[in-house]
Protein backbone atom coordinates (compact mmCIF):
# COMPACT_ATOMS: atom_id res chain seq x y z
CA UNK A 1 109.75 73.68 111.70
CA UNK A 2 112.27 76.62 112.40
CA UNK A 3 114.27 76.28 109.15
CA UNK A 4 111.24 75.94 106.67
CA UNK A 5 111.49 77.49 103.33
CA UNK A 6 108.28 79.17 102.05
CA UNK A 7 107.17 78.15 98.51
CA UNK A 8 103.98 78.13 96.65
CA UNK A 9 103.03 74.81 95.14
CA UNK A 10 100.91 74.34 91.90
CA UNK A 11 98.65 71.51 93.14
CA UNK A 12 96.29 71.55 90.08
CA UNK A 13 95.41 68.02 89.34
CA UNK A 14 97.85 66.64 91.98
CA UNK A 15 96.57 63.65 94.00
CA UNK A 16 96.29 64.75 97.71
CA UNK A 17 95.04 62.53 100.52
CA UNK A 18 93.39 63.81 103.73
CA UNK A 19 93.14 61.30 106.56
CA UNK A 20 90.64 61.78 109.39
CA UNK A 21 87.27 63.24 109.85
CA UNK A 22 85.94 66.39 111.50
CA UNK A 23 86.57 70.10 111.27
CA UNK A 24 90.33 70.09 110.78
CA UNK A 25 90.26 67.33 108.16
CA UNK A 26 87.33 69.16 106.28
CA UNK A 27 89.15 72.58 106.40
CA UNK A 28 92.39 71.07 104.91
CA UNK A 29 90.40 69.24 102.25
CA UNK A 30 88.62 72.40 101.24
CA UNK A 31 91.89 74.40 101.13
CA UNK A 32 93.48 71.81 98.89
CA UNK A 33 90.39 71.63 96.60
CA UNK A 34 90.40 75.44 96.29
CA UNK A 35 93.92 75.12 94.87
CA UNK A 36 92.69 72.61 92.20
CA UNK A 37 94.12 69.60 93.88
CA UNK A 38 92.48 66.22 93.40
CA UNK A 39 91.54 65.37 97.01
CA UNK A 40 90.91 61.95 98.33
CA UNK A 41 89.59 61.22 101.83
CA UNK A 42 90.09 58.30 104.17
CA UNK A 43 88.72 58.25 107.81
CA UNK A 44 91.86 56.64 109.12
CA UNK A 45 95.37 55.68 108.25
CA UNK A 46 96.11 52.23 106.79
CA UNK A 47 99.74 51.24 106.05
CA UNK A 48 100.53 51.75 102.33
CA UNK A 49 97.57 54.21 101.71
CA UNK A 50 99.89 56.96 100.84
CA UNK A 51 101.02 55.15 97.71
CA UNK A 52 100.48 57.34 94.56
CA UNK A 53 99.88 60.51 96.28
CA UNK A 54 101.83 63.84 95.93
CA UNK A 55 100.77 65.12 99.38
CA UNK A 56 99.14 63.71 102.44
CA UNK A 57 97.51 65.46 105.48
CA UNK A 58 96.85 63.55 108.66
CA UNK A 59 94.02 65.45 110.49
CA UNK A 60 92.49 62.83 112.60
CA UNK A 61 91.98 63.16 116.32
CA UNK A 62 94.20 60.13 116.99
CA UNK A 63 97.75 61.20 116.69
CA UNK A 64 99.25 57.69 117.39
CA UNK A 65 99.82 56.74 113.72
CA UNK A 66 101.47 60.16 112.90
CA UNK A 67 104.96 58.76 113.23
CA UNK A 68 104.23 55.84 110.94
CA UNK A 69 102.43 58.13 108.40
CA UNK A 70 105.47 60.50 108.39
CA UNK A 71 107.93 57.56 107.81
CA UNK A 72 105.78 56.25 105.02
CA UNK A 73 105.70 59.59 103.44
CA UNK A 74 109.47 59.94 103.73
CA UNK A 75 110.01 56.55 102.09
CA UNK A 76 107.58 57.00 99.27
CA UNK A 77 108.45 60.65 98.51
CA UNK A 78 105.05 62.03 99.67
CA UNK A 79 104.94 65.41 101.42
CA UNK A 80 103.35 64.87 104.81
CA UNK A 81 101.55 67.22 107.19
CA UNK A 82 100.34 65.80 110.57
CA UNK A 83 98.17 68.60 111.87
CA UNK A 84 99.37 70.11 115.17
CA UNK A 85 102.29 67.76 115.18
CA UNK A 86 105.33 69.72 113.85
CA UNK A 87 107.96 66.92 114.27
CA UNK A 88 105.85 64.85 111.88
CA UNK A 89 105.44 67.55 109.14
CA UNK A 90 107.45 67.93 105.91
CA UNK A 91 105.33 71.20 105.28
CA UNK A 92 102.98 73.28 107.30
CA UNK A 93 99.80 75.19 106.33
CA UNK A 94 100.40 78.96 106.78
CA UNK A 95 97.67 81.30 107.57
CA UNK A 96 96.69 82.84 104.14
CA UNK A 97 95.31 86.05 103.05
CA UNK A 98 94.22 86.07 99.42
CA UNK A 99 93.21 89.13 97.34
CA UNK A 100 92.79 88.01 93.75
CA UNK A 101 96.29 86.88 92.63
CA UNK A 102 97.87 88.28 95.79
CA UNK A 103 98.63 85.54 98.34
CA UNK A 104 100.30 86.53 101.67
CA UNK A 105 101.28 83.56 103.89
CA UNK A 106 102.04 83.92 107.53
CA UNK A 107 103.75 81.15 109.46
CA UNK A 108 105.09 80.62 112.87
CA UNK A 109 106.84 77.40 111.91
CA UNK A 110 104.31 75.47 113.97
CA UNK A 111 105.26 77.33 117.18
CA UNK A 112 102.12 79.24 117.51
CA UNK A 113 99.48 79.05 114.71
CA UNK A 114 97.14 81.31 116.57
CA UNK A 115 99.62 84.18 116.20
CA UNK A 116 99.84 83.49 112.41
CA UNK A 117 96.05 83.81 112.32
CA UNK A 118 95.93 87.05 114.32
CA UNK A 119 98.69 88.49 111.93
CA UNK A 120 96.73 87.41 109.00
CA UNK A 121 93.58 89.11 110.41
CA UNK A 122 95.50 92.44 110.83
CA UNK A 123 96.66 92.22 107.27
CA UNK A 124 93.13 91.58 106.03
CA UNK A 125 92.23 95.00 107.36
CA UNK A 126 95.28 96.61 105.67
CA UNK A 127 95.09 94.95 102.22
CA UNK A 128 91.62 95.25 100.70
CA UNK A 129 90.16 94.09 97.41
CA UNK A 130 91.86 96.90 95.71
CA UNK A 131 95.11 94.81 95.66
CA UNK A 132 93.39 92.02 93.70
CA UNK A 133 92.07 94.56 91.30
CA UNK A 134 95.60 96.18 90.87
CA UNK A 135 96.99 92.79 90.03
CA UNK A 136 94.21 92.19 87.45
CA UNK A 137 95.39 95.44 85.83
CA UNK A 138 99.04 94.48 86.22
CA UNK A 139 98.40 91.03 84.60
CA UNK A 140 96.79 92.74 81.57
CA UNK A 141 99.93 95.06 81.16
CA UNK A 142 102.66 92.42 81.72
CA UNK A 143 102.88 90.87 78.20
CA UNK A 144 102.50 94.33 76.36
CA UNK A 145 105.07 95.83 78.59
CA UNK A 146 107.59 92.93 78.09
CA UNK A 147 107.04 93.19 74.25
CA UNK A 148 107.50 96.89 74.10
CA UNK A 149 110.21 97.45 76.68
CA UNK A 150 112.83 94.61 76.18
CA UNK A 151 115.35 96.27 78.55
CA UNK A 152 114.93 94.75 82.05
CA UNK A 153 115.92 97.85 84.21
CA UNK A 154 113.65 100.11 82.21
CA UNK A 155 110.75 97.73 82.65
CA UNK A 156 111.47 97.40 86.40
CA UNK A 157 111.35 101.15 86.75
CA UNK A 158 107.92 101.23 85.05
CA UNK A 159 106.66 98.53 87.38
CA UNK A 160 107.80 100.47 90.42
CA UNK A 161 106.26 103.58 88.98
CA UNK A 162 102.87 101.67 88.70
CA UNK A 163 103.20 100.30 92.27
CA UNK A 164 104.26 103.65 93.78
CA UNK A 165 101.56 105.61 92.00
CA UNK A 166 98.06 106.45 93.23
CA UNK A 167 96.59 103.59 91.37
CA UNK A 168 95.81 101.52 94.58
CA UNK A 169 94.14 104.50 96.21
CA UNK A 170 92.03 105.12 93.17
CA UNK A 171 90.92 101.49 93.13
CA UNK A 172 90.25 101.62 96.89
CA UNK A 173 87.92 104.66 96.17
CA UNK A 174 86.15 102.80 93.44
CA UNK A 175 87.54 105.11 90.71
CA UNK A 176 88.44 102.23 88.33
CA UNK A 177 88.55 104.19 85.11
CA UNK A 178 90.87 106.75 86.65
CA UNK A 179 93.18 104.08 87.74
CA UNK A 180 93.27 102.62 84.28
CA UNK A 181 93.98 105.96 82.79
CA UNK A 182 96.88 106.63 85.21
CA UNK A 183 98.34 103.13 84.40
CA UNK A 184 98.10 103.91 80.68
CA UNK A 185 99.68 107.30 81.20
CA UNK A 186 102.76 105.67 82.91
CA UNK A 187 103.11 103.16 80.13
CA UNK A 188 105.10 103.75 76.87
CA UNK A 189 102.67 104.57 74.11
CA UNK A 190 103.37 101.46 72.07
CA UNK A 191 102.83 99.26 75.03
CA UNK A 192 99.13 99.38 74.81
CA UNK A 193 98.50 98.87 71.10
């Protein structure tokens, strides 16, 4: 999948089917459930079983039905992923790093998922929980800032001032109150009323 376009899907309440049993199927089902998807499981493929689903994952040990699963998905508008079978995938699962609202996805387009995992592991060491905390703080400022600073360029400068400040370092060191005070000092006075 060398020309894939990375997107983030809102799967809350979407009907998703996981075909197969075992570790791979369990992992995909858990990942989808963690995103709020309504996950259904079948041990094996049966023609027509993709009907009514938004997304389907074939994670069985038997790859022989993958081509048929993919064709059925294409016909019925269901996004299909056949694990470890890139020619029969409309999407792939990237290696994910999550820190609160921060999500970093690493993909090799199916060429070498192990490399994507190793890159994610490196990023896990680089991006700690302070990034999630920073985003909680940013989320709390977003609406007040939009209300008090209607001009986009000025707002953008303020966001970059926050990101480029010492706030992340303070959060990393557990100095949350100082981080909040620094954010407050960077904001226009009427933004935090």
